[in-house]
Amino acid sequence: MCRHSFIRTLCILSGVPLVLLLYKRHLDHISRSMSKDLDWLLNRRTLEARQRCEKLLLGIEGCREIAGKAIATPAQPEHLQRALYEISDVLGRALTS
């Protein structure tokens, strides 16, 4: 009777590290999967933000060109007013697209 309980105890004690090893491998797998998902999401959001910034910069460059043309012409109110409308339109398109 004592011999059987000793063998059973040894089996249980040798099984505990195996269970812990399997559990650690499972946690490592979950961690790698979560890390890949997070990297993918971060890359996607970074790309979207970069594209929005590029559109806004292009809009600002367009506004700069419009303002430069308006300043180069004689200061006539209708030219300046048209330039402001164009700048407003360019910035509006840059911010909404």
PDB file of N, CA and C in Angstrom:
ATOM      1  N   MET A   1       0.813  -1.191   0.000  1.00  0.00           N
ATOM      2  CA  MET A   1       0.000   0.000   0.000  1.00  0.00           C
ATOM      3  C   MET A   1       0.854   1.252   0.000  1.00  0.00           C
ATOM      4  N   CYS A   2       1.892   1.252   0.784  1.00  0.00           N
ATOM      5  CA  CYS A   2       2.772   2.406   0.878  1.00  0.00           C
ATOM      6  C   CYS A   2       3.527   2.604  -0.427  1.00  0.00           C
ATOM      7  N   ARG A   3       3.855   1.483  -1.068  1.00  0.00           N
ATOM      8  CA  ARG A   3       4.605   1.562  -2.320  1.00  0.00           C
ATOM      9  C   ARG A   3       3.749   2.199  -3.421  1.00  0.00           C
ATOM     10  N   HIS A   4       2.472   1.875  -3.482  1.00  0.00           N
ATOM     11  CA  HIS A   4       1.584   2.444  -4.493  1.00  0.00           C
ATOM     12  C   HIS A   4       1.383   3.946  -4.293  1.00  0.00           C
ATOM     13  N   SER A   5       1.241   4.345  -3.056  1.00  0.00           N
ATOM     14  CA  SER A   5       1.058   5.786  -2.797  1.00  0.00           C
ATOM     15  C   SER A   5       2.342   6.553  -3.112  1.00  0.00           C
ATOM     16  N   PHE A   6       3.510   5.925  -2.890  1.00  0.00           N
ATOM     17  CA  PHE A   6       4.775   6.569  -3.218  1.00  0.00           C
ATOM     18  C   PHE A   6       4.893   6.751  -4.734  1.00  0.00           C
ATOM     19  N   ILE A   7       4.541   5.744  -5.508  1.00  0.00           N
ATOM     20  CA  ILE A   7       4.594   5.819  -6.969  1.00  0.00           C
ATOM     21  C   ILE A   7       3.588   6.854  -7.474  1.00  0.00           C
ATOM     22  N   ARG A   8       2.407   6.850  -6.901  1.00  0.00           N
ATOM     23  CA  ARG A   8       1.389   7.828  -7.294  1.00  0.00           C
ATOM     24  C   ARG A   8       1.873   9.256  -7.007  1.00  0.00           C
ATOM     25  N   THR A   9       2.496   9.462  -5.863  1.00  0.00           N
ATOM     26  CA  THR A   9       3.025  10.778  -5.498  1.00  0.00           C
ATOM     27  C   THR A   9       4.115  11.198  -6.474  1.00  0.00           C
ATOM     28  N   LEU A  10       4.996  10.270  -6.847  1.00  0.00           N
ATOM     29  CA  LEU A  10       6.041  10.579  -7.815  1.00  0.00           C
ATOM     30  C   LEU A  10       5.456  10.956  -9.176  1.00  0.00           C
ATOM     31  N   CYS A  11       4.431  10.253  -9.607  1.00  0.00           N
ATOM     32  CA  CYS A  11       3.781  10.566 -10.885  1.00  0.00           C
ATOM     33  C   CYS A  11       3.165  11.962 -10.856  1.00  0.00           C
ATOM     34  N   ILE A  12       2.502  12.265  -9.765  1.00  0.00           N
ATOM     35  CA  ILE A  12       1.880  13.588  -9.636  1.00  0.00           C
ATOM     36  C   ILE A  12       2.942  14.673  -9.610  1.00  0.00           C
ATOM     37  N   LEU A  13       4.000  14.457  -8.846  1.00  0.00           N
ATOM     38  CA  LEU A  13       5.062  15.463  -8.751  1.00  0.00           C
ATOM     39  C   LEU A  13       5.810  15.633 -10.076  1.00  0.00           C
ATOM     40  N   SER A  14       5.948  14.585 -10.851  1.00  0.00           N
ATOM     41  CA  SER A  14       6.618  14.724 -12.145  1.00  0.00           C
ATOM     42  C   SER A  14       5.667  15.331 -13.182  1.00  0.00           C
ATOM     43  N   GLY A  15       4.373  15.227 -12.971  1.00  0.00           N
ATOM     44  CA  GLY A  15       3.403  15.798 -13.893  1.00  0.00           C
ATOM     45  C   GLY A  15       3.218  17.294 -13.712  1.00  0.00           C
ATOM     46  N   VAL A  16       3.456  17.796 -12.512  1.00  0.00           N
ATOM     47  CA  VAL A  16       3.276  19.221 -12.231  1.00  0.00           C
ATOM     48  C   VAL A  16       4.195  20.082 -13.102  1.00  0.00           C
ATOM     49  N   PRO A  17       5.505  19.788 -13.187  1.00  0.00           N
ATOM     50  CA  PRO A  17       6.345  20.613 -14.074  1.00  0.00           C
ATOM     51  C   PRO A  17       5.912  20.523 -15.542  1.00  0.00           C
ATOM     52  N   LEU A  18       5.424  19.383 -15.969  1.00  0.00           N
ATOM     53  CA  LEU A  18       4.957  19.226 -17.344  1.00  0.00           C
ATOM     54  C   LEU A  18       3.743  20.123 -17.598  1.00  0.00           C
ATOM     55  N   VAL A  19       2.811  20.130 -16.663  1.00  0.00           N
ATOM     56  CA  VAL A  19       1.627  20.983 -16.789  1.00  0.00           C
ATOM     57  C   VAL A  19       2.045  22.461 -16.796  1.00  0.00           C
ATOM     58  N   LEU A  20       2.978  22.831 -15.922  1.00  0.00           N
ATOM     59  CA  LEU A  20       3.447  24.212 -15.882  1.00  0.00           C
ATOM     60  C   LEU A  20       4.158  24.597 -17.174  1.00  0.00           C
ATOM     61  N   LEU A  21       4.944  23.692 -17.748  1.00  0.00           N
ATOM     62  CA  LEU A  21       5.617  23.944 -19.005  1.00  0.00           C
ATOM     63  C   LEU A  21       4.610  24.146 -20.138  1.00  0.00           C
ATOM     64  N   LEU A  22       3.603  23.293 -20.194  1.00  0.00           N
ATOM     65  CA  LEU A  22       2.574  23.436 -21.226  1.00  0.00           C
ATOM     66  C   LEU A  22       1.803  24.748 -21.067  1.00  0.00           C
ATOM     67  N   TYR A  23       1.519  25.121 -19.834  1.00  0.00           N
ATOM     68  CA  TYR A  23       0.800  26.363 -19.581  1.00  0.00           C
ATOM     69  C   TYR A  23       1.651  27.568 -20.000  1.00  0.00           C
ATOM     70  N   LYS A  24       2.959  27.532 -19.708  1.00  0.00           N
ATOM     71  CA  LYS A  24       3.855  28.614 -20.101  1.00  0.00           C
ATOM     72  C   LYS A  24       3.916  28.723 -21.619  1.00  0.00           C
ATOM     73  N   ARG A  25       3.977  27.614 -22.319  1.00  0.00           N
ATOM     74  CA  ARG A  25       3.996  27.642 -23.784  1.00  0.00           C
ATOM     75  C   ARG A  25       2.695  28.236 -24.328  1.00  0.00           C
ATOM     76  N   HIS A  26       1.592  27.898 -23.699  1.00  0.00           N
ATOM     77  CA  HIS A  26       0.293  28.441 -24.118  1.00  0.00           C
ATOM     78  C   HIS A  26       0.268  29.965 -23.922  1.00  0.00           C
ATOM     79  N   LEU A  27       0.761  30.433 -22.778  1.00  0.00           N
ATOM     80  CA  LEU A  27       0.807  31.875 -22.523  1.00  0.00           C
ATOM     81  C   LEU A  27       1.745  32.584 -23.505  1.00  0.00           C
ATOM     82  N   ASP A  28       2.864  31.958 -23.834  1.00  0.00           N
ATOM     83  CA  ASP A  28       3.781  32.545 -24.815  1.00  0.00           C
ATOM     84  C   ASP A  28       3.114  32.668 -26.181  1.00  0.00           C
ATOM     85  N   HIS A  29       2.357  31.654 -26.562  1.00  0.00           N
ATOM     86  CA  HIS A  29       1.642  31.688 -27.841  1.00  0.00           C
ATOM     87  C   HIS A  29       0.618  32.827 -27.856  1.00  0.00           C
ATOM     88  N   ILE A  30      -0.130  32.961 -26.792  1.00  0.00           N
ATOM     89  CA  ILE A  30      -1.119  34.041 -26.692  1.00  0.00           C
ATOM     90  C   ILE A  30      -0.424  35.396 -26.730  1.00  0.00           C
ATOM     91  N   SER A  31       0.698  35.515 -26.040  1.00  0.00           N
ATOM     92  CA  SER A  31       1.443  36.773 -26.014  1.00  0.00           C
ATOM     93  C   SER A  31       1.949  37.150 -27.402  1.00  0.00           C
ATOM     94  N   ARG A  32       2.484  36.193 -28.150  1.00  0.00           N
ATOM     95  CA  ARG A  32       2.958  36.472 -29.511  1.00  0.00           C
ATOM     96  C   ARG A  32       1.801  36.878 -30.416  1.00  0.00           C
ATOM     97  N   SER A  33       0.679  36.202 -30.264  1.00  0.00           N
ATOM     98  CA  SER A  33      -0.490  36.524 -31.084  1.00  0.00           C
ATOM     99  C   SER A  33      -0.989  37.936 -30.783  1.00  0.00           C
ATOM    100  N   MET A  34      -1.063  38.298 -29.524  1.00  0.00           N
ATOM    101  CA  MET A  34      -1.509  39.641 -29.151  1.00  0.00           C
ATOM    102  C   MET A  34      -0.517  40.696 -29.643  1.00  0.00           C
ATOM    103  N   SER A  35       0.766  40.393 -29.572  1.00  0.00           N
ATOM    104  CA  SER A  35       1.784  41.326 -30.029  1.00  0.00           C
ATOM    105  C   SER A  35       1.673  41.560 -31.532  1.00  0.00           C
ATOM    106  N   LYS A  36       1.437  40.489 -32.310  1.00  0.00           N
ATOM    107  CA  LYS A  36       1.267  40.645 -33.757  1.00  0.00           C
ATOM    108  C   LYS A  36       0.024  41.465 -34.072  1.00  0.00           C
ATOM    109  N   ASP A  37      -1.076  41.211 -33.355  1.00  0.00           N
ATOM    110  CA  ASP A  37      -2.302  41.978 -33.581  1.00  0.00           C
ATOM    111  C   ASP A  37      -2.096  43.459 -33.264  1.00  0.00           C
ATOM    112  N   LEU A  38      -1.399  43.724 -32.167  1.00  0.00           N
ATOM    113  CA  LEU A  38      -1.146  45.110 -31.780  1.00  0.00           C
ATOM    114  C   LEU A  38      -0.253  45.800 -32.805  1.00  0.00           C
ATOM    115  N   ASP A  39       0.782  45.115 -33.278  1.00  0.00           N
ATOM    116  CA  ASP A  39       1.654  45.698 -34.304  1.00  0.00           C
ATOM    117  C   ASP A  39       0.878  46.004 -35.574  1.00  0.00           C
ATOM    118  N   TRP A  40       0.008  45.094 -35.992  1.00  0.00           N
ATOM    119  CA  TRP A  40      -0.785  45.311 -37.199  1.00  0.00           C
ATOM    120  C   TRP A  40      -1.693  46.526 -37.041  1.00  0.00           C
ATOM    121  N   LEU A  41      -2.358  46.617 -35.891  1.00  0.00           N
ATOM    122  CA  LEU A  41      -3.260  47.740 -35.637  1.00  0.00           C
ATOM    123  C   LEU A  41      -2.493  49.063 -35.578  1.00  0.00           C
ATOM    124  N   LEU A  42      -1.355  49.051 -34.921  1.00  0.00           N
ATOM    125  CA  LEU A  42      -0.541  50.260 -34.821  1.00  0.00           C
ATOM    126  C   LEU A  42      -0.052  50.699 -36.196  1.00  0.00           C
ATOM    127  N   ASN A  43       0.387  49.759 -37.021  1.00  0.00           N
ATOM    128  CA  ASN A  43       0.845  50.097 -38.371  1.00  0.00           C
ATOM    129  C   ASN A  43      -0.290  50.673 -39.215  1.00  0.00           C
ATOM    130  N   ARG A  44      -1.481  50.080 -39.105  1.00  0.00           N
ATOM    131  CA  ARG A  44      -2.625  50.574 -39.881  1.00  0.00           C
ATOM    132  C   ARG A  44      -3.002  51.993 -39.464  1.00  0.00           C
ATOM    133  N   ARG A  45      -3.066  52.223 -38.162  1.00  0.00           N
ATOM    134  CA  ARG A  45      -3.440  53.563 -37.685  1.00  0.00           C
ATOM    135  C   ARG A  45      -2.365  54.591 -38.001  1.00  0.00           C
ATOM    136  N   THR A  46      -1.110  54.186 -37.938  1.00  0.00           N
ATOM    137  CA  THR A  46      -0.022  55.097 -38.272  1.00  0.00           C
ATOM    138  C   THR A  46      -0.086  55.476 -39.747  1.00  0.00           C
ATOM    139  N   LEU A  47      -0.368  54.503 -40.598  1.00  0.00           N
ATOM    140  CA  LEU A  47      -0.482  54.778 -42.032  1.00  0.00           C
ATOM    141  C   LEU A  47      -1.636  55.736 -42.307  1.00  0.00           C
ATOM    142  N   GLU A  48      -2.776  55.515 -41.664  1.00  0.00           N
ATOM    143  CA  GLU A  48      -3.922  56.402 -41.853  1.00  0.00           C
ATOM    144  C   GLU A  48      -3.593  57.825 -41.396  1.00  0.00           C
ATOM    145  N   ALA A  49      -2.931  57.948 -40.253  1.00  0.00           N
ATOM    146  CA  ALA A  49      -2.569  59.280 -39.746  1.00  0.00           C
ATOM    147  C   ALA A  49      -1.561  59.945 -40.671  1.00  0.00           C
ATOM    148  N   ARG A  50      -0.610  59.169 -41.177  1.00  0.00           N
ATOM    149  CA  ARG A  50       0.385  59.723 -42.100  1.00  0.00           C
ATOM    150  C   ARG A  50      -0.291  60.228 -43.372  1.00  0.00           C
ATOM    151  N   GLN A  51      -1.254  59.483 -43.881  1.00  0.00           N
ATOM    152  CA  GLN A  51      -1.960  59.903 -45.093  1.00  0.00           C
ATOM    153  C   GLN A  51      -2.742  61.191 -44.851  1.00  0.00           C
ATOM    154  N   ARG A  52      -3.396  61.297 -43.684  1.00  0.00           N
ATOM    155  CA  ARG A  52      -4.130  62.529 -43.364  1.00  0.00           C
ATOM    156  C   ARG A  52      -3.180  63.718 -43.266  1.00  0.00           C
ATOM    157  N   CYS A  53      -2.022  63.513 -42.657  1.00  0.00           N
ATOM    158  CA  CYS A  53      -1.041  64.598 -42.534  1.00  0.00           C
ATOM    159  C   CYS A  53      -0.523  65.027 -43.904  1.00  0.00           C
ATOM    160  N   GLU A  54      -0.272  64.047 -44.772  1.00  0.00           N
ATOM    161  CA  GLU A  54       0.205  64.386 -46.121  1.00  0.00           C
ATOM    162  C   GLU A  54      -0.835  65.186 -46.883  1.00  0.00           C
ATOM    163  N   LYS A  55      -2.119  64.802 -46.753  1.00  0.00           N
ATOM    164  CA  LYS A  55      -3.182  65.564 -47.427  1.00  0.00           C
ATOM    165  C   LYS A  55      -3.249  66.981 -46.891  1.00  0.00           C
ATOM    166  N   LEU A  56      -3.132  67.124 -45.584  1.00  0.00           N
ATOM    167  CA  LEU A  56      -3.187  68.453 -44.988  1.00  0.00           C
ATOM    168  C   LEU A  56      -1.988  69.293 -45.430  1.00  0.00           C
ATOM    169  N   LEU A  57      -0.804  68.689 -45.482  1.00  0.00           N
ATOM    170  CA  LEU A  57       0.371  69.425 -45.947  1.00  0.00           C
ATOM    171  C   LEU A  57       0.232  69.852 -47.406  1.00  0.00           C
ATOM    172  N   LEU A  58      -0.327  68.966 -48.230  1.00  0.00           N
ATOM    173  CA  LEU A  58      -0.556  69.344 -49.627  1.00  0.00           C
ATOM    174  C   LEU A  58      -1.541  70.509 -49.713  1.00  0.00           C
ATOM    175  N   GLY A  59      -2.563  70.477 -48.868  1.00  0.00           N
ATOM    176  CA  GLY A  59      -3.526  71.580 -48.837  1.00  0.00           C
ATOM    177  C   GLY A  59      -2.877  72.883 -48.416  1.00  0.00           C
ATOM    178  N   ILE A  60      -2.001  72.800 -47.430  1.00  0.00           N
ATOM    179  CA  ILE A  60      -1.306  74.006 -46.965  1.00  0.00           C
ATOM    180  C   ILE A  60      -0.389  74.543 -48.057  1.00  0.00           C
ATOM    181  N   GLU A  61       0.288  73.639 -48.767  1.00  0.00           N
ATOM    182  CA  GLU A  61       1.141  74.088 -49.880  1.00  0.00           C
ATOM    183  C   GLU A  61       0.308  74.768 -50.968  1.00  0.00           C
ATOM    184  N   GLY A  62      -0.870  74.199 -51.252  1.00  0.00           N
ATOM    185  CA  GLY A  62      -1.758  74.824 -52.224  1.00  0.00           C
ATOM    186  C   GLY A  62      -2.185  76.203 -51.776  1.00  0.00           C
ATOM    187  N   CYS A  63      -2.489  76.343 -50.496  1.00  0.00           N
ATOM    188  CA  CYS A  63      -2.882  77.649 -49.949  1.00  0.00           C
ATOM    189  C   CYS A  63      -1.732  78.643 -50.054  1.00  0.00           C
ATOM    190  N   ARG A  64      -0.539  78.153 -49.829  1.00  0.00           N
ATOM    191  CA  ARG A  64       0.632  79.025 -49.930  1.00  0.00           C
ATOM    192  C   ARG A  64       0.791  79.555 -51.355  1.00  0.00           C
ATOM    193  N   GLU A  65       0.585  78.686 -52.335  1.00  0.00           N
ATOM    194  CA  GLU A  65       0.676  79.117 -53.730  1.00  0.00           C
ATOM    195  C   GLU A  65      -0.404  80.142 -54.054  1.00  0.00           C
ATOM    196  N   ILE A  66      -1.618  79.883 -53.592  1.00  0.00           N
ATOM    197  CA  ILE A  66      -2.721  80.820 -53.840  1.00  0.00           C
ATOM    198  C   ILE A  66      -2.419  82.169 -53.197  1.00  0.00           C
ATOM    199  N   ALA A  67      -1.935  82.148 -51.954  1.00  0.00           N
ATOM    200  CA  ALA A  67      -1.617  83.401 -51.262  1.00  0.00           C
ATOM    201  C   ALA A  67      -0.471  84.132 -51.956  1.00  0.00           C
ATOM    202  N   GLY A  68       0.516  83.362 -52.441  1.00  0.00           N
ATOM    203  CA  GLY A  68       1.630  83.993 -53.152  1.00  0.00           C
ATOM    204  C   GLY A  68       1.169  84.689 -54.410  1.00  0.00           C
ATOM    205  N   LYS A  69       0.259  84.062 -55.158  1.00  0.00           N
ATOM    206  CA  LYS A  69      -0.285  84.692 -56.370  1.00  0.00           C
ATOM    207  C   LYS A  69      -1.095  85.939 -56.020  1.00  0.00           C
ATOM    208  N   ALA A  70      -1.872  85.844 -54.934  1.00  0.00           N
ATOM    209  CA  ALA A  70      -2.704  86.984 -54.536  1.00  0.00           C
ATOM    210  C   ALA A  70      -1.839  88.161 -54.107  1.00  0.00           C
ATOM    211  N   ILE A  71      -0.740  87.892 -53.459  1.00  0.00           N
ATOM    212  CA  ILE A  71       0.141  88.974 -53.012  1.00  0.00           C
ATOM    213  C   ILE A  71       0.909  89.570 -54.187  1.00  0.00           C
ATOM    214  N   ALA A  72       1.230  88.705 -55.179  1.00  0.00           N
ATOM    215  CA  ALA A  72       1.999  89.183 -56.335  1.00  0.00           C
ATOM    216  C   ALA A  72       1.195  90.144 -57.204  1.00  0.00           C
ATOM    217  N   THR A  73      -0.116  89.999 -57.240  1.00  0.00           N
ATOM    218  CA  THR A  73      -0.949  90.901 -58.046  1.00  0.00           C
ATOM    219  C   THR A  73      -1.228  92.160 -57.240  1.00  0.00           C
ATOM    220  N   PRO A  74      -1.568  93.228 -57.936  1.00  0.00           N
ATOM    221  CA  PRO A  74      -1.900  94.462 -57.192  1.00  0.00           C
ATOM    222  C   PRO A  74      -3.035  94.196 -56.188  1.00  0.00           C
ATOM    223  N   ALA A  75      -2.991  94.897 -55.106  1.00  0.00           N
ATOM    224  CA  ALA A  75      -3.948  94.685 -54.023  1.00  0.00           C
ATOM    225  C   ALA A  75      -5.341  95.144 -54.429  1.00  0.00           C
ATOM    226  N   GLN A  76      -6.030  94.295 -55.144  1.00  0.00           N
ATOM    227  CA  GLN A  76      -7.414  94.580 -55.509  1.00  0.00           C
ATOM    228  C   GLN A  76      -8.307  93.699 -54.647  1.00  0.00           C
ATOM    229  N   PRO A  77      -9.328  94.289 -54.069  1.00  0.00           N
ATOM    230  CA  PRO A  77     -10.177  93.530 -53.144  1.00  0.00           C
ATOM    231  C   PRO A  77     -10.770  92.260 -53.757  1.00  0.00           C
ATOM    232  N   GLU A  78     -11.168  92.303 -55.039  1.00  0.00           N
ATOM    233  CA  GLU A  78     -11.778  91.110 -55.631  1.00  0.00           C
ATOM    234  C   GLU A  78     -10.753  89.972 -55.786  1.00  0.00           C
ATOM    235  N   HIS A  79      -9.479  90.314 -56.064  1.00  0.00           N
ATOM    236  CA  HIS A  79      -8.442  89.281 -56.154  1.00  0.00           C
ATOM    237  C   HIS A  79      -8.199  88.646 -54.778  1.00  0.00           C
ATOM    238  N   LEU A  80      -8.118  89.491 -53.773  1.00  0.00           N
ATOM    239  CA  LEU A  80      -7.886  88.991 -52.418  1.00  0.00           C
ATOM    240  C   LEU A  80      -9.075  88.157 -51.931  1.00  0.00           C
ATOM    241  N   GLN A  81     -10.262  88.610 -52.220  1.00  0.00           N
ATOM    242  CA  GLN A  81     -11.456  87.875 -51.808  1.00  0.00           C
ATOM    243  C   GLN A  81     -11.514  86.511 -52.496  1.00  0.00           C
ATOM    244  N   ARG A  82     -11.212  86.472 -53.800  1.00  0.00           N
ATOM    245  CA  ARG A  82     -11.201  85.207 -54.544  1.00  0.00           C
ATOM    246  C   ARG A  82     -10.123  84.274 -53.972  1.00  0.00           C
ATOM    247  N   ALA A  83      -8.980  84.848 -53.623  1.00  0.00           N
ATOM    248  CA  ALA A  83      -7.897  84.040 -53.050  1.00  0.00           C
ATOM    249  C   ALA A  83      -8.318  83.443 -51.712  1.00  0.00           C
ATOM    250  N   LEU A  84      -9.016  84.229 -50.893  1.00  0.00           N
ATOM    251  CA  LEU A  84      -9.485  83.699 -49.603  1.00  0.00           C
ATOM    252  C   LEU A  84     -10.502  82.579 -49.793  1.00  0.00           C
ATOM    253  N   TYR A  85     -11.392  82.733 -50.774  1.00  0.00           N
ATOM    254  CA  TYR A  85     -12.344  81.658 -51.056  1.00  0.00           C
ATOM    255  C   TYR A  85     -11.622  80.395 -51.517  1.00  0.00           C
ATOM    256  N   GLU A  86     -10.620  80.574 -52.369  1.00  0.00           N
ATOM    257  CA  GLU A  86      -9.863  79.413 -52.850  1.00  0.00           C
ATOM    258  C   GLU A  86      -9.117  78.729 -51.708  1.00  0.00           C
ATOM    259  N   ILE A  87      -8.517  79.541 -50.841  1.00  0.00           N
ATOM    260  CA  ILE A  87      -7.801  78.980 -49.681  1.00  0.00           C
ATOM    261  C   ILE A  87      -8.767  78.227 -48.792  1.00  0.00           C
ATOM    262  N   SER A  88      -9.927  78.816 -48.554  1.00  0.00           N
ATOM    263  CA  SER A  88     -10.936  78.145 -47.731  1.00  0.00           C
ATOM    264  C   SER A  88     -11.370  76.818 -48.345  1.00  0.00           C
ATOM    265  N   ASP A  89     -11.547  76.816 -49.645  1.00  0.00           N
ATOM    266  CA  ASP A  89     -11.955  75.595 -50.354  1.00  0.00           C
ATOM    267  C   ASP A  89     -10.874  74.519 -50.275  1.00  0.00           C
ATOM    268  N   VAL A  90      -9.623  74.927 -50.504  1.00  0.00           N
ATOM    269  CA  VAL A  90      -8.506  73.957 -50.480  1.00  0.00           C
ATOM    270  C   VAL A  90      -8.354  73.363 -49.076  1.00  0.00           C
ATOM    271  N   LEU A  91      -8.403  74.196 -48.067  1.00  0.00           N
ATOM    272  CA  LEU A  91      -8.282  73.682 -46.690  1.00  0.00           C
ATOM    273  C   LEU A  91      -9.472  72.800 -46.320  1.00  0.00           C
ATOM    274  N   GLY A  92     -10.648  73.185 -46.752  1.00  0.00           N
ATOM    275  CA  GLY A  92     -11.824  72.355 -46.475  1.00  0.00           C
ATOM    276  C   GLY A  92     -11.716  70.978 -47.087  1.00  0.00           C
ATOM    277  N   ARG A  93     -11.245  70.921 -48.339  1.00  0.00           N
ATOM    278  CA  ARG A  93     -11.067  69.616 -48.989  1.00  0.00           C
ATOM    279  C   ARG A  93      -9.964  68.807 -48.309  1.00  0.00           C
ATOM    280  N   ALA A  94      -8.906  69.477 -47.885  1.00  0.00           N
ATOM    281  CA  ALA A  94      -7.783  68.772 -47.229  1.00  0.00           C
ATOM    282  C   ALA A  94      -8.216  68.183 -45.896  1.00  0.00           C
ATOM    283  N   LEU A  95      -9.070  68.906 -45.183  1.00  0.00           N
ATOM    284  CA  LEU A  95      -9.493  68.428 -43.867  1.00  0.00           C
ATOM    285  C   LEU A  95     -10.584  67.370 -43.929  1.00  0.00           C
ATOM    286  N   THR A  96     -11.409  67.387 -44.970  1.00  0.00           N
ATOM    287  CA  THR A  96     -12.511  66.430 -45.032  1.00  0.00           C
ATOM    288  C   THR A  96     -12.173  65.162 -45.780  1.00  0.00           C
ATOM    289  N   SER A  97     -11.147  65.166 -46.594  1.00  0.00           N
ATOM    290  CA  SER A  97     -10.840  63.942 -47.365  1.00  0.00           C
ATOM    291  C   SER A  97      -9.894  63.040 -46.616  1.00  0.00           C
TER     292      SER A  97
END
